[in-house]
Amino acid sequence: MSSFAIPPVLLERMVRLGDRIRTARIRRGWSVSVLAAKAAINRNTLTALEHGKPSTSVASLLAVLWALGLDEAIEFVKSDIPSLQRNG
């Protein structure tokens, strides 16, 4: 078992991301079952992702973003941008 504690600010961001994914799904008129099928993931996994649960995998997140047509949004993450780099 890991001793790593997720910082509260990150937990809040996960919840906000889940809310945004839920909103995108609802705007498309899709049920949880429909989006889960399009992303090839389990409905429970999608629900956990929409609730911001930290146990969901990056692969599941990317599959959902792809199914929603939002996967290119991750391209803004660049390791060579000094302002985004963390020390330590």
PDB file of N, CA and C in Angstrom:
ATOM      1  N   MET A   1       0.842  -1.168   0.000  1.00  0.00           N
ATOM      2  CA  MET A   1       0.000   0.000   0.000  1.00  0.00           C
ATOM      3  C   MET A   1       0.890   1.235   0.000  1.00  0.00           C
ATOM      4  N   SER A   2       0.540   2.239  -0.799  1.00  0.00           N
ATOM      5  CA  SER A   2       1.321   3.455  -0.925  1.00  0.00           C
ATOM      6  C   SER A   2       1.082   4.384   0.260  1.00  0.00           C
ATOM      7  N   SER A   3       2.133   5.095   0.645  1.00  0.00           N
ATOM      8  CA  SER A   3       1.990   6.084   1.700  1.00  0.00           C
ATOM      9  C   SER A   3       1.772   7.477   1.113  1.00  0.00           C
ATOM     10  N   PHE A   4       1.676   7.563  -0.203  1.00  0.00           N
ATOM     11  CA  PHE A   4       1.475   8.839  -0.884  1.00  0.00           C
ATOM     12  C   PHE A   4       0.071   9.351  -0.617  1.00  0.00           C
ATOM     13  N   ALA A   5      -0.011  10.573  -0.125  1.00  0.00           N
ATOM     14  CA  ALA A   5      -1.306  11.213   0.112  1.00  0.00           C
ATOM     15  C   ALA A   5      -1.528  12.232  -0.994  1.00  0.00           C
ATOM     16  N   ILE A   6      -2.654  12.152  -1.650  1.00  0.00           N
ATOM     17  CA  ILE A   6      -2.966  13.081  -2.721  1.00  0.00           C
ATOM     18  C   ILE A   6      -3.296  14.436  -2.092  1.00  0.00           C
ATOM     19  N   PRO A   7      -2.618  15.485  -2.523  1.00  0.00           N
ATOM     20  CA  PRO A   7      -2.890  16.811  -1.968  1.00  0.00           C
ATOM     21  C   PRO A   7      -4.351  17.224  -2.199  1.00  0.00           C
ATOM     22  N   PRO A   8      -4.959  17.890  -1.230  1.00  0.00           N
ATOM     23  CA  PRO A   8      -6.360  18.300  -1.359  1.00  0.00           C
ATOM     24  C   PRO A   8      -6.662  19.091  -2.627  1.00  0.00           C
ATOM     25  N   VAL A   9      -5.733  19.940  -3.050  1.00  0.00           N
ATOM     26  CA  VAL A   9      -5.976  20.725  -4.264  1.00  0.00           C
ATOM     27  C   VAL A   9      -6.137  19.809  -5.482  1.00  0.00           C
ATOM     28  N   LEU A  10      -5.394  18.722  -5.524  1.00  0.00           N
ATOM     29  CA  LEU A  10      -5.526  17.781  -6.633  1.00  0.00           C
ATOM     30  C   LEU A  10      -6.835  17.013  -6.554  1.00  0.00           C
ATOM     31  N   LEU A  11      -7.249  16.663  -5.350  1.00  0.00           N
ATOM     32  CA  LEU A  11      -8.545  15.991  -5.185  1.00  0.00           C
ATOM     33  C   LEU A  11      -9.680  16.890  -5.689  1.00  0.00           C
ATOM     34  N   GLU A  12      -9.586  18.184  -5.384  1.00  0.00           N
ATOM     35  CA  GLU A  12     -10.589  19.133  -5.859  1.00  0.00           C
ATOM     36  C   GLU A  12     -10.588  19.220  -7.379  1.00  0.00           C
ATOM     37  N   ARG A  13      -9.406  19.214  -7.974  1.00  0.00           N
ATOM     38  CA  ARG A  13      -9.307  19.263  -9.441  1.00  0.00           C
ATOM     39  C   ARG A  13      -9.884  18.009 -10.074  1.00  0.00           C
ATOM     40  N   MET A  14      -9.681  16.863  -9.438  1.00  0.00           N
ATOM     41  CA  MET A  14     -10.253  15.611  -9.960  1.00  0.00           C
ATOM     42  C   MET A  14     -11.779  15.681  -9.967  1.00  0.00           C
ATOM     43  N   VAL A  15     -12.341  16.233  -8.908  1.00  0.00           N
ATOM     44  CA  VAL A  15     -13.794  16.370  -8.828  1.00  0.00           C
ATOM     45  C   VAL A  15     -14.294  17.320  -9.914  1.00  0.00           C
ATOM     46  N   ARG A  16     -13.591  18.440 -10.108  1.00  0.00           N
ATOM     47  CA  ARG A  16     -13.995  19.388 -11.155  1.00  0.00           C
ATOM     48  C   ARG A  16     -13.882  18.763 -12.542  1.00  0.00           C
ATOM     49  N   LEU A  17     -12.819  17.987 -12.776  1.00  0.00           N
ATOM     50  CA  LEU A  17     -12.676  17.313 -14.059  1.00  0.00           C
ATOM     51  C   LEU A  17     -13.814  16.320 -14.272  1.00  0.00           C
ATOM     52  N   GLY A  18     -14.152  15.576 -13.229  1.00  0.00           N
ATOM     53  CA  GLY A  18     -15.279  14.644 -13.319  1.00  0.00           C
ATOM     54  C   GLY A  18     -16.581  15.352 -13.641  1.00  0.00           C
ATOM     55  N   ASP A  19     -16.785  16.511 -13.019  1.00  0.00           N
ATOM     56  CA  ASP A  19     -17.982  17.310 -13.313  1.00  0.00           C
ATOM     57  C   ASP A  19     -18.003  17.736 -14.774  1.00  0.00           C
ATOM     58  N   ARG A  20     -16.861  18.135 -15.289  1.00  0.00           N
ATOM     59  CA  ARG A  20     -16.779  18.564 -16.694  1.00  0.00           C
ATOM     60  C   ARG A  20     -17.043  17.406 -17.643  1.00  0.00           C
ATOM     61  N   ILE A  21     -16.541  16.234 -17.298  1.00  0.00           N
ATOM     62  CA  ILE A  21     -16.797  15.059 -18.132  1.00  0.00           C
ATOM     63  C   ILE A  21     -18.281  14.727 -18.113  1.00  0.00           C
ATOM     64  N   ARG A  22     -18.893  14.764 -16.936  1.00  0.00           N
ATOM     65  CA  ARG A  22     -20.331  14.499 -16.823  1.00  0.00           C
ATOM     66  C   ARG A  22     -21.132  15.505 -17.657  1.00  0.00           C
ATOM     67  N   THR A  23     -20.758  16.775 -17.557  1.00  0.00           N
ATOM     68  CA  THR A  23     -21.443  17.818 -18.322  1.00  0.00           C
ATOM     69  C   THR A  23     -21.312  17.570 -19.820  1.00  0.00           C
ATOM     70  N   ALA A  24     -20.112  17.219 -20.275  1.00  0.00           N
ATOM     71  CA  ALA A  24     -19.896  16.935 -21.701  1.00  0.00           C
ATOM     72  C   ALA A  24     -20.754  15.748 -22.153  1.00  0.00           C
ATOM     73  N   ARG A  25     -20.849  14.735 -21.305  1.00  0.00           N
ATOM     74  CA  ARG A  25     -21.673  13.568 -21.640  1.00  0.00           C
ATOM     75  C   ARG A  25     -23.141  13.954 -21.742  1.00  0.00           C
ATOM     76  N   ILE A  26     -23.621  14.697 -20.771  1.00  0.00           N
ATOM     77  CA  ILE A  26     -25.032  15.089 -20.747  1.00  0.00           C
ATOM     78  C   ILE A  26     -25.361  16.002 -21.918  1.00  0.00           C
ATOM     79  N   ARG A  27     -24.466  16.920 -22.252  1.00  0.00           N
ATOM     80  CA  ARG A  27     -24.686  17.821 -23.399  1.00  0.00           C
ATOM     81  C   ARG A  27     -24.820  17.059 -24.707  1.00  0.00           C
ATOM     82  N   ARG A  28     -24.184  15.909 -24.772  1.00  0.00           N
ATOM     83  CA  ARG A  28     -24.290  15.074 -25.971  1.00  0.00           C
ATOM     84  C   ARG A  28     -25.540  14.186 -25.934  1.00  0.00           C
ATOM     85  N   GLY A  29     -26.234  14.213 -24.807  1.00  0.00           N
ATOM     86  CA  GLY A  29     -27.428  13.389 -24.666  1.00  0.00           C
ATOM     87  C   GLY A  29     -27.127  11.915 -24.457  1.00  0.00           C
ATOM     88  N   TRP A  30     -25.935  11.627 -23.946  1.00  0.00           N
ATOM     89  CA  TRP A  30     -25.508  10.244 -23.745  1.00  0.00           C
ATOM     90  C   TRP A  30     -25.725   9.822 -22.299  1.00  0.00           C
ATOM     91  N   SER A  31     -26.123   8.588 -22.136  1.00  0.00           N
ATOM     92  CA  SER A  31     -26.213   7.993 -20.801  1.00  0.00           C
ATOM     93  C   SER A  31     -24.820   7.517 -20.387  1.00  0.00           C
ATOM     94  N   VAL A  32     -24.699   7.160 -19.126  1.00  0.00           N
ATOM     95  CA  VAL A  32     -23.443   6.576 -18.644  1.00  0.00           C
ATOM     96  C   VAL A  32     -23.117   5.322 -19.454  1.00  0.00           C
ATOM     97  N   SER A  33     -24.123   4.507 -19.730  1.00  0.00           N
ATOM     98  CA  SER A  33     -23.905   3.272 -20.489  1.00  0.00           C
ATOM     99  C   SER A  33     -23.375   3.547 -21.885  1.00  0.00           C
ATOM    100  N   VAL A  34     -23.918   4.568 -22.541  1.00  0.00           N
ATOM    101  CA  VAL A  34     -23.489   4.888 -23.911  1.00  0.00           C
ATOM    102  C   VAL A  34     -22.036   5.348 -23.917  1.00  0.00           C
ATOM    103  N   LEU A  35     -21.686   6.304 -23.051  1.00  0.00           N
ATOM    104  CA  LEU A  35     -20.298   6.780 -23.036  1.00  0.00           C
ATOM    105  C   LEU A  35     -19.336   5.681 -22.615  1.00  0.00           C
ATOM    106  N   ALA A  36     -19.715   4.886 -21.643  1.00  0.00           N
ATOM    107  CA  ALA A  36     -18.848   3.783 -21.218  1.00  0.00           C
ATOM    108  C   ALA A  36     -18.598   2.820 -22.380  1.00  0.00           C
ATOM    109  N   ALA A  37     -19.624   2.524 -23.143  1.00  0.00           N
ATOM    110  CA  ALA A  37     -19.458   1.632 -24.291  1.00  0.00           C
ATOM    111  C   ALA A  37     -18.546   2.266 -25.335  1.00  0.00           C
ATOM    112  N   LYS A  38     -18.749   3.546 -25.629  1.00  0.00           N
ATOM    113  CA  LYS A  38     -17.911   4.232 -26.614  1.00  0.00           C
ATOM    114  C   LYS A  38     -16.449   4.270 -26.180  1.00  0.00           C
ATOM    115  N   ALA A  39     -16.217   4.384 -24.865  1.00  0.00           N
ATOM    116  CA  ALA A  39     -14.855   4.431 -24.328  1.00  0.00           C
ATOM    117  C   ALA A  39     -14.300   3.038 -24.031  1.00  0.00           C
ATOM    118  N   ALA A  40     -15.124   2.017 -24.194  1.00  0.00           N
ATOM    119  CA  ALA A  40     -14.730   0.629 -23.922  1.00  0.00           C
ATOM    120  C   ALA A  40     -14.279   0.444 -22.476  1.00  0.00           C
ATOM    121  N   ILE A  41     -15.027   1.062 -21.557  1.00  0.00           N
ATOM    122  CA  ILE A  41     -14.758   0.890 -20.136  1.00  0.00           C
ATOM    123  C   ILE A  41     -16.056   0.487 -19.433  1.00  0.00           C
ATOM    124  N   ASN A  42     -15.929   0.052 -18.219  1.00  0.00           N
ATOM    125  CA  ASN A  42     -17.063  -0.345 -17.397  1.00  0.00           C
ATOM    126  C   ASN A  42     -17.840   0.894 -16.938  1.00  0.00           C
ATOM    127  N   ARG A  43     -19.158   0.772 -16.820  1.00  0.00           N
ATOM    128  CA  ARG A  43     -19.989   1.884 -16.328  1.00  0.00           C
ATOM    129  C   ARG A  43     -19.543   2.361 -14.949  1.00  0.00           C
ATOM    130  N   ASN A  44     -19.165   1.427 -14.098  1.00  0.00           N
ATOM    131  CA  ASN A  44     -18.709   1.798 -12.755  1.00  0.00           C
ATOM    132  C   ASN A  44     -17.431   2.643 -12.806  1.00  0.00           C
ATOM    133  N   THR A  45     -16.563   2.338 -13.757  1.00  0.00           N
ATOM    134  CA  THR A  45     -15.337   3.117 -13.926  1.00  0.00           C
ATOM    135  C   THR A  45     -15.674   4.533 -14.365  1.00  0.00           C
ATOM    136  N   LEU A  46     -16.599   4.665 -15.312  1.00  0.00           N
ATOM    137  CA  LEU A  46     -17.011   5.993 -15.755  1.00  0.00           C
ATOM    138  C   LEU A  46     -17.647   6.783 -14.615  1.00  0.00           C
ATOM    139  N   THR A  47     -18.492   6.133 -13.848  1.00  0.00           N
ATOM    140  CA  THR A  47     -19.117   6.807 -12.712  1.00  0.00           C
ATOM    141  C   THR A  47     -18.065   7.266 -11.711  1.00  0.00           C
ATOM    142  N   ALA A  48     -17.082   6.428 -11.441  1.00  0.00           N
ATOM    143  CA  ALA A  48     -15.998   6.813 -10.528  1.00  0.00           C
ATOM    144  C   ALA A  48     -15.229   8.005 -11.084  1.00  0.00           C
ATOM    145  N   LEU A  49     -14.979   8.000 -12.382  1.00  0.00           N
ATOM    146  CA  LEU A  49     -14.277   9.107 -13.019  1.00  0.00           C
ATOM    147  C   LEU A  49     -15.096  10.393 -12.911  1.00  0.00           C
ATOM    148  N   GLU A  50     -16.390  10.296 -13.157  1.00  0.00           N
ATOM    149  CA  GLU A  50     -17.263  11.471 -13.066  1.00  0.00           C
ATOM    150  C   GLU A  50     -17.373  12.005 -11.633  1.00  0.00           C
ATOM    151  N   HIS A  51     -17.116  11.161 -10.661  1.00  0.00           N
ATOM    152  CA  HIS A  51     -17.143  11.595  -9.262  1.00  0.00           C
ATOM    153  C   HIS A  51     -15.759  12.020  -8.760  1.00  0.00           C
ATOM    154  N   GLY A  52     -14.772  11.990  -9.636  1.00  0.00           N
ATOM    155  CA  GLY A  52     -13.436  12.432  -9.259  1.00  0.00           C
ATOM    156  C   GLY A  52     -12.673  11.482  -8.377  1.00  0.00           C
ATOM    157  N   LYS A  53     -12.995  10.199  -8.450  1.00  0.00           N
ATOM    158  CA  LYS A  53     -12.297   9.212  -7.622  1.00  0.00           C
ATOM    159  C   LYS A  53     -10.859   9.042  -8.106  1.00  0.00           C
ATOM    160  N   PRO A  54      -9.888   9.148  -7.214  1.00  0.00           N
ATOM    161  CA  PRO A  54      -8.490   9.047  -7.617  1.00  0.00           C
ATOM    162  C   PRO A  54      -8.052   7.648  -8.027  1.00  0.00           C
ATOM    163  N   SER A  55      -8.872   6.662  -7.821  1.00  0.00           N
ATOM    164  CA  SER A  55      -8.492   5.289  -8.165  1.00  0.00           C
ATOM    165  C   SER A  55      -8.664   4.974  -9.652  1.00  0.00           C
ATOM    166  N   THR A  56      -9.254   5.875 -10.411  1.00  0.00           N
ATOM    167  CA  THR A  56      -9.440   5.604 -11.840  1.00  0.00           C
ATOM    168  C   THR A  56      -8.122   5.764 -12.573  1.00  0.00           C
ATOM    169  N   SER A  57      -7.948   5.004 -13.638  1.00  0.00           N
ATOM    170  CA  SER A  57      -6.671   5.011 -14.349  1.00  0.00           C
ATOM    171  C   SER A  57      -6.599   6.129 -15.379  1.00  0.00           C
ATOM    172  N   VAL A  58      -5.375   6.479 -15.709  1.00  0.00           N
ATOM    173  CA  VAL A  58      -5.141   7.466 -16.762  1.00  0.00           C
ATOM    174  C   VAL A  58      -5.672   6.922 -18.086  1.00  0.00           C
ATOM    175  N   ALA A  59      -5.532   5.640 -18.315  1.00  0.00           N
ATOM    176  CA  ALA A  59      -6.026   5.033 -19.545  1.00  0.00           C
ATOM    177  C   ALA A  59      -7.541   5.206 -19.669  1.00  0.00           C
ATOM    178  N   SER A  60      -8.256   5.037 -18.566  1.00  0.00           N
ATOM    179  CA  SER A  60      -9.712   5.231 -18.586  1.00  0.00           C
ATOM    180  C   SER A  60     -10.052   6.683 -18.876  1.00  0.00           C
ATOM    181  N   LEU A  61      -9.340   7.590 -18.250  1.00  0.00           N
ATOM    182  CA  LEU A  61      -9.562   9.019 -18.491  1.00  0.00           C
ATOM    183  C   LEU A  61      -9.347   9.348 -19.961  1.00  0.00           C
ATOM    184  N   LEU A  62      -8.249   8.881 -20.527  1.00  0.00           N
ATOM    185  CA  LEU A  62      -7.958   9.166 -21.932  1.00  0.00           C
ATOM    186  C   LEU A  62      -8.989   8.531 -22.858  1.00  0.00           C
ATOM    187  N   ALA A  63      -9.449   7.339 -22.529  1.00  0.00           N
ATOM    188  CA  ALA A  63     -10.470   6.688 -23.350  1.00  0.00           C
ATOM    189  C   ALA A  63     -11.764   7.487 -23.350  1.00  0.00           C
ATOM    190  N   VAL A  64     -12.139   8.026 -22.202  1.00  0.00           N
ATOM    191  CA  VAL A  64     -13.355   8.832 -22.101  1.00  0.00           C
ATOM    192  C   VAL A  64     -13.182  10.138 -22.868  1.00  0.00           C
ATOM    193  N   LEU A  65     -12.038  10.795 -22.694  1.00  0.00           N
ATOM    194  CA  LEU A  65     -11.799  12.027 -23.439  1.00  0.00           C
ATOM    195  C   LEU A  65     -11.836  11.770 -24.938  1.00  0.00           C
ATOM    196  N   TRP A  66     -11.264  10.653 -25.373  1.00  0.00           N
ATOM    197  CA  TRP A  66     -11.292  10.286 -26.794  1.00  0.00           C
ATOM    198  C   TRP A  66     -12.733  10.083 -27.267  1.00  0.00           C
ATOM    199  N   ALA A  67     -13.514   9.346 -26.503  1.00  0.00           N
ATOM    200  CA  ALA A  67     -14.903   9.070 -26.881  1.00  0.00           C
ATOM    201  C   ALA A  67     -15.719  10.359 -26.975  1.00  0.00           C
ATOM    202  N   LEU A  68     -15.375  11.335 -26.142  1.00  0.00           N
ATOM    203  CA  LEU A  68     -16.065  12.626 -26.156  1.00  0.00           C
ATOM    204  C   LEU A  68     -15.503  13.572 -27.227  1.00  0.00           C
ATOM    205  N   GLY A  69     -14.418  13.168 -27.876  1.00  0.00           N
ATOM    206  CA  GLY A  69     -13.774  14.024 -28.867  1.00  0.00           C
ATOM    207  C   GLY A  69     -12.940  15.126 -28.232  1.00  0.00           C
ATOM    208  N   LEU A  70     -12.506  14.909 -26.998  1.00  0.00           N
ATOM    209  CA  LEU A  70     -11.763  15.921 -26.252  1.00  0.00           C
ATOM    210  C   LEU A  70     -10.316  15.514 -25.969  1.00  0.00           C
ATOM    211  N   ASP A  71      -9.865  14.423 -26.558  1.00  0.00           N
ATOM    212  CA  ASP A  71      -8.539  13.905 -26.228  1.00  0.00           C
ATOM    213  C   ASP A  71      -7.400  14.829 -26.654  1.00  0.00           C
ATOM    214  N   GLU A  72      -7.607  15.661 -27.646  1.00  0.00           N
ATOM    215  CA  GLU A  72      -6.539  16.568 -28.057  1.00  0.00           C
ATOM    216  C   GLU A  72      -6.300  17.675 -27.036  1.00  0.00           C
ATOM    217  N   ALA A  73      -7.215  17.829 -26.083  1.00  0.00           N
ATOM    218  CA  ALA A  73      -7.062  18.849 -25.042  1.00  0.00           C
ATOM    219  C   ALA A  73      -5.837  18.589 -24.168  1.00  0.00           C
ATOM    220  N   ILE A  74      -5.364  17.354 -24.121  1.00  0.00           N
ATOM    221  CA  ILE A  74      -4.203  17.060 -23.277  1.00  0.00           C
ATOM    222  C   ILE A  74      -2.899  17.518 -23.908  1.00  0.00           C
ATOM    223  N   GLU A  75      -2.941  17.934 -25.157  1.00  0.00           N
ATOM    224  CA  GLU A  75      -1.719  18.355 -25.839  1.00  0.00           C
ATOM    225  C   GLU A  75      -1.110  19.615 -25.241  1.00  0.00           C
ATOM    226  N   PHE A  76      -1.867  20.355 -24.436  1.00  0.00           N
ATOM    227  CA  PHE A  76      -1.308  21.554 -23.819  1.00  0.00           C
ATOM    228  C   PHE A  76      -0.281  21.212 -22.756  1.00  0.00           C
ATOM    229  N   VAL A  77      -0.250  19.970 -22.320  1.00  0.00           N
ATOM    230  CA  VAL A  77       0.701  19.549 -21.288  1.00  0.00           C
ATOM    231  C   VAL A  77       2.049  19.294 -21.956  1.00  0.00           C
ATOM    232  N   LYS A  78       2.980  20.149 -21.676  1.00  0.00           N
ATOM    233  CA  LYS A  78       4.316  20.057 -22.266  1.00  0.00           C
ATOM    234  C   LYS A  78       5.343  20.109 -21.151  1.00  0.00           C
ATOM    235  N   SER A  79       6.245  19.170 -21.121  1.00  0.00           N
ATOM    236  CA  SER A  79       7.252  19.131 -20.062  1.00  0.00           C
ATOM    237  C   SER A  79       8.336  20.187 -20.254  1.00  0.00           C
ATOM    238  N   ASP A  80       8.409  20.782 -21.446  1.00  0.00           N
ATOM    239  CA  ASP A  80       9.469  21.752 -21.697  1.00  0.00           C
ATOM    240  C   ASP A  80       9.042  23.196 -21.424  1.00  0.00           C
ATOM    241  N   ILE A  81       7.862  23.385 -20.849  1.00  0.00           N
ATOM    242  CA  ILE A  81       7.426  24.719 -20.483  1.00  0.00           C
ATOM    243  C   ILE A  81       7.873  24.966 -19.046  1.00  0.00           C
ATOM    244  N   PRO A  82       8.824  25.884 -18.850  1.00  0.00           N
ATOM    245  CA  PRO A  82       9.378  26.099 -17.487  1.00  0.00           C
ATOM    246  C   PRO A  82       8.325  26.398 -16.432  1.00  0.00           C
ATOM    247  N   SER A  83       7.282  27.134 -16.766  1.00  0.00           N
ATOM    248  CA  SER A  83       6.293  27.499 -15.745  1.00  0.00           C
ATOM    249  C   SER A  83       5.473  26.307 -15.267  1.00  0.00           C
ATOM    250  N   LEU A  84       5.479  25.201 -16.023  1.00  0.00           N
ATOM    251  CA  LEU A  84       4.734  24.015 -15.616  1.00  0.00           C
ATOM    252  C   LEU A  84       5.598  22.983 -14.913  1.00  0.00           C
ATOM    253  N   GLN A  85       6.899  23.158 -14.934  1.00  0.00           N
ATOM    254  CA  GLN A  85       7.783  22.188 -14.300  1.00  0.00           C
ATOM    255  C   GLN A  85       7.779  22.359 -12.794  1.00  0.00           C
ATOM    256  N   ARG A  86       7.857  21.247 -12.100  1.00  0.00           N
ATOM    257  CA  ARG A  86       7.893  21.242 -10.640  1.00  0.00           C
ATOM    258  C   ARG A  86       9.280  20.804 -10.192  1.00  0.00           C
ATOM    259  N   ASN A  87       9.702  21.350  -9.106  1.00  0.00           N
ATOM    260  CA  ASN A  87      10.978  20.925  -8.522  1.00  0.00           C
ATOM    261  C   ASN A  87      10.713  19.783  -7.554  1.00  0.00           C
ATOM    262  N   GLY A  88      11.589  18.793  -7.587  1.00  0.00           N
ATOM    263  CA  GLY A  88      11.464  17.710  -6.614  1.00  0.00           C
ATOM    264  C   GLY A  88      10.851  16.572  -7.151  1.00  0.00           C
TER     265      GLY A  88
END
